[in-house]
Amino acid sequence: MKSKKAFALRIEADIFREVEKLAKEEFRSTNGQIEWMLNKQLKDSGRLKDDAE
């Protein structure tokens, strides 16, 4: 299992509300949605290897 690092995130309220909506639509927690979005962006930019590779 990969280790996780906890940290505080300051984010504009309107952005947070939209992330909450996305999370609900995709059956994820808000934290899970943020992590998924970051992971996708890092993979798409080539900064993080895809697990399938």
PDB file of N, CA and C in Angstrom:
ATOM      1  N   MET A   1       0.839  -1.175   0.000  1.00  0.00           N
ATOM      2  CA  MET A   1       0.000   0.000   0.000  1.00  0.00           C
ATOM      3  C   MET A   1       0.887   1.242   0.000  1.00  0.00           C
ATOM      4  N   LYS A   2       0.547   2.213  -0.848  1.00  0.00           N
ATOM      5  CA  LYS A   2       1.297   3.457  -0.901  1.00  0.00           C
ATOM      6  C   LYS A   2       0.975   4.295   0.324  1.00  0.00           C
ATOM      7  N   SER A   3       2.002   4.988   0.827  1.00  0.00           N
ATOM      8  CA  SER A   3       1.756   5.855   1.978  1.00  0.00           C
ATOM      9  C   SER A   3       1.135   7.164   1.500  1.00  0.00           C
ATOM     10  N   LYS A   4       0.385   7.796   2.375  1.00  0.00           N
ATOM     11  CA  LYS A   4      -0.279   9.055   2.054  1.00  0.00           C
ATOM     12  C   LYS A   4       0.230  10.134   2.983  1.00  0.00           C
ATOM     13  N   LYS A   5       0.279  11.345   2.471  1.00  0.00           N
ATOM     14  CA  LYS A   5       0.737  12.501   3.221  1.00  0.00           C
ATOM     15  C   LYS A   5      -0.441  13.440   3.438  1.00  0.00           C
ATOM     16  N   ALA A   6      -0.711  13.813   4.660  1.00  0.00           N
ATOM     17  CA  ALA A   6      -1.793  14.734   4.979  1.00  0.00           C
ATOM     18  C   ALA A   6      -1.261  16.163   5.007  1.00  0.00           C
ATOM     19  N   PHE A   7      -2.064  17.098   4.487  1.00  0.00           N
ATOM     20  CA  PHE A   7      -1.702  18.507   4.553  1.00  0.00           C
ATOM     21  C   PHE A   7      -2.952  19.362   4.417  1.00  0.00           C
ATOM     22  N   ALA A   8      -2.859  20.610   4.865  1.00  0.00           N
ATOM     23  CA  ALA A   8      -3.988  21.542   4.758  1.00  0.00           C
ATOM     24  C   ALA A   8      -3.975  22.170   3.368  1.00  0.00           C
ATOM     25  N   LEU A   9      -5.154  22.352   2.806  1.00  0.00           N
ATOM     26  CA  LEU A   9      -5.284  22.960   1.487  1.00  0.00           C
ATOM     27  C   LEU A   9      -6.211  24.155   1.593  1.00  0.00           C
ATOM     28  N   ARG A  10      -5.714  25.309   1.198  1.00  0.00           N
ATOM     29  CA  ARG A  10      -6.548  26.500   1.158  1.00  0.00           C
ATOM     30  C   ARG A  10      -7.014  26.665  -0.283  1.00  0.00           C
ATOM     31  N   ILE A  11      -8.323  26.786  -0.457  1.00  0.00           N
ATOM     32  CA  ILE A  11      -8.907  26.840  -1.790  1.00  0.00           C
ATOM     33  C   ILE A  11     -10.102  27.788  -1.760  1.00  0.00           C
ATOM     34  N   GLU A  12     -10.325  28.491  -2.850  1.00  0.00           N
ATOM     35  CA  GLU A  12     -11.461  29.405  -2.923  1.00  0.00           C
ATOM     36  C   GLU A  12     -12.765  28.633  -2.754  1.00  0.00           C
ATOM     37  N   ALA A  13     -13.718  29.252  -2.061  1.00  0.00           N
ATOM     38  CA  ALA A  13     -14.971  28.578  -1.728  1.00  0.00           C
ATOM     39  C   ALA A  13     -15.740  28.134  -2.965  1.00  0.00           C
ATOM     40  N   ASP A  14     -15.760  28.952  -4.022  1.00  0.00           N
ATOM     41  CA  ASP A  14     -16.521  28.573  -5.218  1.00  0.00           C
ATOM     42  C   ASP A  14     -15.888  27.384  -5.932  1.00  0.00           C
ATOM     43  N   ILE A  15     -14.570  27.315  -5.930  1.00  0.00           N
ATOM     44  CA  ILE A  15     -13.886  26.157  -6.523  1.00  0.00           C
ATOM     45  C   ILE A  15     -14.183  24.907  -5.707  1.00  0.00           C
ATOM     46  N   PHE A  16     -14.133  25.039  -4.391  1.00  0.00           N
ATOM     47  CA  PHE A  16     -14.408  23.898  -3.516  1.00  0.00           C
ATOM     48  C   PHE A  16     -15.825  23.369  -3.722  1.00  0.00           C
ATOM     49  N   ARG A  17     -16.799  24.280  -3.858  1.00  0.00           N
ATOM     50  CA  ARG A  17     -18.184  23.849  -4.089  1.00  0.00           C
ATOM     51  C   ARG A  17     -18.306  23.041  -5.378  1.00  0.00           C
ATOM     52  N   GLU A  18     -17.613  23.470  -6.428  1.00  0.00           N
ATOM     53  CA  GLU A  18     -17.677  22.748  -7.697  1.00  0.00           C
ATOM     54  C   GLU A  18     -17.001  21.379  -7.592  1.00  0.00           C
ATOM     55  N   VAL A  19     -15.911  21.299  -6.851  1.00  0.00           N
ATOM     56  CA  VAL A  19     -15.240  20.007  -6.640  1.00  0.00           C
ATOM     57  C   VAL A  19     -16.156  19.089  -5.841  1.00  0.00           C
ATOM     58  N   GLU A  20     -16.840  19.629  -4.839  1.00  0.00           N
ATOM     59  CA  GLU A  20     -17.799  18.836  -4.072  1.00  0.00           C
ATOM     60  C   GLU A  20     -18.898  18.275  -4.983  1.00  0.00           C
ATOM     61  N   LYS A  21     -19.412  19.102  -5.894  1.00  0.00           N
ATOM     62  CA  LYS A  21     -20.445  18.649  -6.832  1.00  0.00           C
ATOM     63  C   LYS A  21     -19.922  17.521  -7.715  1.00  0.00           C
ATOM     64  N   LEU A  22     -18.719  17.709  -8.262  1.00  0.00           N
ATOM     65  CA  LEU A  22     -18.114  16.664  -9.098  1.00  0.00           C
ATOM     66  C   LEU A  22     -17.961  15.366  -8.323  1.00  0.00           C
ATOM     67  N   ALA A  23     -17.468  15.481  -7.098  1.00  0.00           N
ATOM     68  CA  ALA A  23     -17.258  14.298  -6.263  1.00  0.00           C
ATOM     69  C   ALA A  23     -18.570  13.551  -6.055  1.00  0.00           C
ATOM     70  N   LYS A  24     -19.620  14.287  -5.769  1.00  0.00           N
ATOM     71  CA  LYS A  24     -20.922  13.659  -5.539  1.00  0.00           C
ATOM     72  C   LYS A  24     -21.409  12.955  -6.802  1.00  0.00           C
ATOM     73  N   GLU A  25     -21.252  13.610  -7.960  1.00  0.00           N
ATOM     74  CA  GLU A  25     -21.673  13.025  -9.231  1.00  0.00           C
ATOM     75  C   GLU A  25     -20.904  11.752  -9.567  1.00  0.00           C
ATOM     76  N   GLU A  26     -19.638  11.695  -9.156  1.00  0.00           N
ATOM     77  CA  GLU A  26     -18.778  10.559  -9.486  1.00  0.00           C
ATOM     78  C   GLU A  26     -18.627   9.580  -8.319  1.00  0.00           C
ATOM     79  N   PHE A  27     -19.471   9.745  -7.289  1.00  0.00           N
ATOM     80  CA  PHE A  27     -19.502   8.840  -6.130  1.00  0.00           C
ATOM     81  C   PHE A  27     -18.138   8.731  -5.442  1.00  0.00           C
ATOM     82  N   ARG A  28     -17.488   9.880  -5.262  1.00  0.00           N
ATOM     83  CA  ARG A  28     -16.217   9.949  -4.542  1.00  0.00           C
ATOM     84  C   ARG A  28     -16.374  10.915  -3.381  1.00  0.00           C
ATOM     85  N   SER A  29     -15.463  10.802  -2.430  1.00  0.00           N
ATOM     86  CA  SER A  29     -15.384  11.823  -1.393  1.00  0.00           C
ATOM     87  C   SER A  29     -14.742  13.060  -2.027  1.00  0.00           C
ATOM     88  N   THR A  30     -14.891  14.192  -1.377  1.00  0.00           N
ATOM     89  CA  THR A  30     -14.260  15.408  -1.896  1.00  0.00           C
ATOM     90  C   THR A  30     -12.747  15.233  -1.929  1.00  0.00           C
ATOM     91  N   ASN A  31     -12.195  14.663  -0.889  1.00  0.00           N
ATOM     92  CA  ASN A  31     -10.757  14.406  -0.848  1.00  0.00           C
ATOM     93  C   ASN A  31     -10.351  13.450  -1.974  1.00  0.00           C
ATOM     94  N   GLY A  32     -11.122  12.405  -2.168  1.00  0.00           N
ATOM     95  CA  GLY A  32     -10.837  11.455  -3.242  1.00  0.00           C
ATOM     96  C   GLY A  32     -10.898  12.105  -4.608  1.00  0.00           C
ATOM     97  N   GLN A  33     -11.839  13.028  -4.798  1.00  0.00           N
ATOM     98  CA  GLN A  33     -11.968  13.728  -6.075  1.00  0.00           C
ATOM     99  C   GLN A  33     -10.746  14.606  -6.334  1.00  0.00           C
ATOM    100  N   ILE A  34     -10.305  15.343  -5.325  1.00  0.00           N
ATOM    101  CA  ILE A  34      -9.126  16.196  -5.475  1.00  0.00           C
ATOM    102  C   ILE A  34      -7.908  15.343  -5.794  1.00  0.00           C
ATOM    103  N   GLU A  35      -7.753  14.228  -5.081  1.00  0.00           N
ATOM    104  CA  GLU A  35      -6.621  13.337  -5.331  1.00  0.00           C
ATOM    105  C   GLU A  35      -6.680  12.768  -6.755  1.00  0.00           C
ATOM    106  N   TRP A  36      -7.872  12.377  -7.209  1.00  0.00           N
ATOM    107  CA  TRP A  36      -8.041  11.835  -8.559  1.00  0.00           C
ATOM    108  C   TRP A  36      -7.680  12.892  -9.607  1.00  0.00           C
ATOM    109  N   MET A  37      -8.142  14.125  -9.397  1.00  0.00           N
ATOM    110  CA  MET A  37      -7.861  15.208 -10.338  1.00  0.00           C
ATOM    111  C   MET A  37      -6.365  15.502 -10.421  1.00  0.00           C
ATOM    112  N   LEU A  38      -5.701  15.548  -9.284  1.00  0.00           N
ATOM    113  CA  LEU A  38      -4.256  15.788  -9.267  1.00  0.00           C
ATOM    114  C   LEU A  38      -3.506  14.651  -9.955  1.00  0.00           C
ATOM    115  N   ASN A  39      -3.909  13.431  -9.648  1.00  0.00           N
ATOM    116  CA  ASN A  39      -3.284  12.251 -10.243  1.00  0.00           C
ATOM    117  C   ASN A  39      -3.424  12.271 -11.758  1.00  0.00           C
ATOM    118  N   LYS A  40      -4.626  12.573 -12.251  1.00  0.00           N
ATOM    119  CA  LYS A  40      -4.882  12.620 -13.691  1.00  0.00           C
ATOM    120  C   LYS A  40      -4.030  13.689 -14.358  1.00  0.00           C
ATOM    121  N   GLN A  41      -3.967  14.861 -13.768  1.00  0.00           N
ATOM    122  CA  GLN A  41      -3.175  15.952 -14.343  1.00  0.00           C
ATOM    123  C   GLN A  41      -1.693  15.580 -14.406  1.00  0.00           C
ATOM    124  N   LEU A  42      -1.180  14.966 -13.354  1.00  0.00           N
ATOM    125  CA  LEU A  42       0.225  14.572 -13.333  1.00  0.00           C
ATOM    126  C   LEU A  42       0.532  13.493 -14.368  1.00  0.00           C
ATOM    127  N   LYS A  43      -0.375  12.550 -14.544  1.00  0.00           N
ATOM    128  CA  LYS A  43      -0.192  11.509 -15.561  1.00  0.00           C
ATOM    129  C   LYS A  43      -0.271  12.105 -16.960  1.00  0.00           C
ATOM    130  N   ASP A  44      -1.266  12.971 -17.182  1.00  0.00           N
ATOM    131  CA  ASP A  44      -1.443  13.588 -18.499  1.00  0.00           C
ATOM    132  C   ASP A  44      -0.244  14.445 -18.895  1.00  0.00           C
ATOM    133  N   SER A  45       0.418  15.047 -17.914  1.00  0.00           N
ATOM    134  CA  SER A  45       1.572  15.899 -18.201  1.00  0.00           C
ATOM    135  C   SER A  45       2.883  15.116 -18.261  1.00  0.00           C
ATOM    136  N   GLY A  46       2.795  13.794 -18.007  1.00  0.00           N
ATOM    137  CA  GLY A  46       3.987  12.956 -18.062  1.00  0.00           C
ATOM    138  C   GLY A  46       4.860  13.020 -16.820  1.00  0.00           C
ATOM    139  N   ARG A  47       4.367  13.606 -15.767  1.00  0.00           N
ATOM    140  CA  ARG A  47       5.152  13.727 -14.534  1.00  0.00           C
ATOM    141  C   ARG A  47       4.979  12.541 -13.597  1.00  0.00           C
ATOM    142  N   LEU A  48       3.966  11.720 -13.873  1.00  0.00           N
ATOM    143  CA  LEU A  48       3.694  10.555 -13.034  1.00  0.00           C
ATOM    144  C   LEU A  48       3.405   9.392 -13.947  1.00  0.00           C
ATOM    145  N   LYS A  49       4.088   8.263 -13.710  1.00  0.00           N
ATOM    146  CA  LYS A  49       3.874   7.089 -14.547  1.00  0.00           C
ATOM    147  C   LYS A  49       2.505   6.486 -14.275  1.00  0.00           C
ATOM    148  N   ASP A  50       1.887   6.006 -15.329  1.00  0.00           N
ATOM    149  CA  ASP A  50       0.614   5.290 -15.215  1.00  0.00           C
ATOM    150  C   ASP A  50       0.879   3.929 -14.613  1.00  0.00           C
ATOM    151  N   ASP A  51       0.023   3.471 -13.699  1.00  0.00           N
ATOM    152  CA  ASP A  51       0.200   2.164 -13.048  1.00  0.00           C
ATOM    153  C   ASP A  51       0.225   1.024 -14.057  1.00  0.00           C
ATOM    154  N   ALA A  52      -0.471   1.197 -15.192  1.00  0.00           N
ATOM    155  CA  ALA A  52      -0.550   0.140 -16.208  1.00  0.00           C
ATOM    156  C   ALA A  52       0.752   0.006 -17.005  1.00  0.00           C
ATOM    157  N   GLU A  53       1.600   1.034 -16.951  1.00  0.00           N
ATOM    158  CA  GLU A  53       2.851   0.987 -17.712  1.00  0.00           C
ATOM    159  C   GLU A  53       3.904   0.136 -17.038  1.00  0.00           C
TER     160      GLU A  53
END
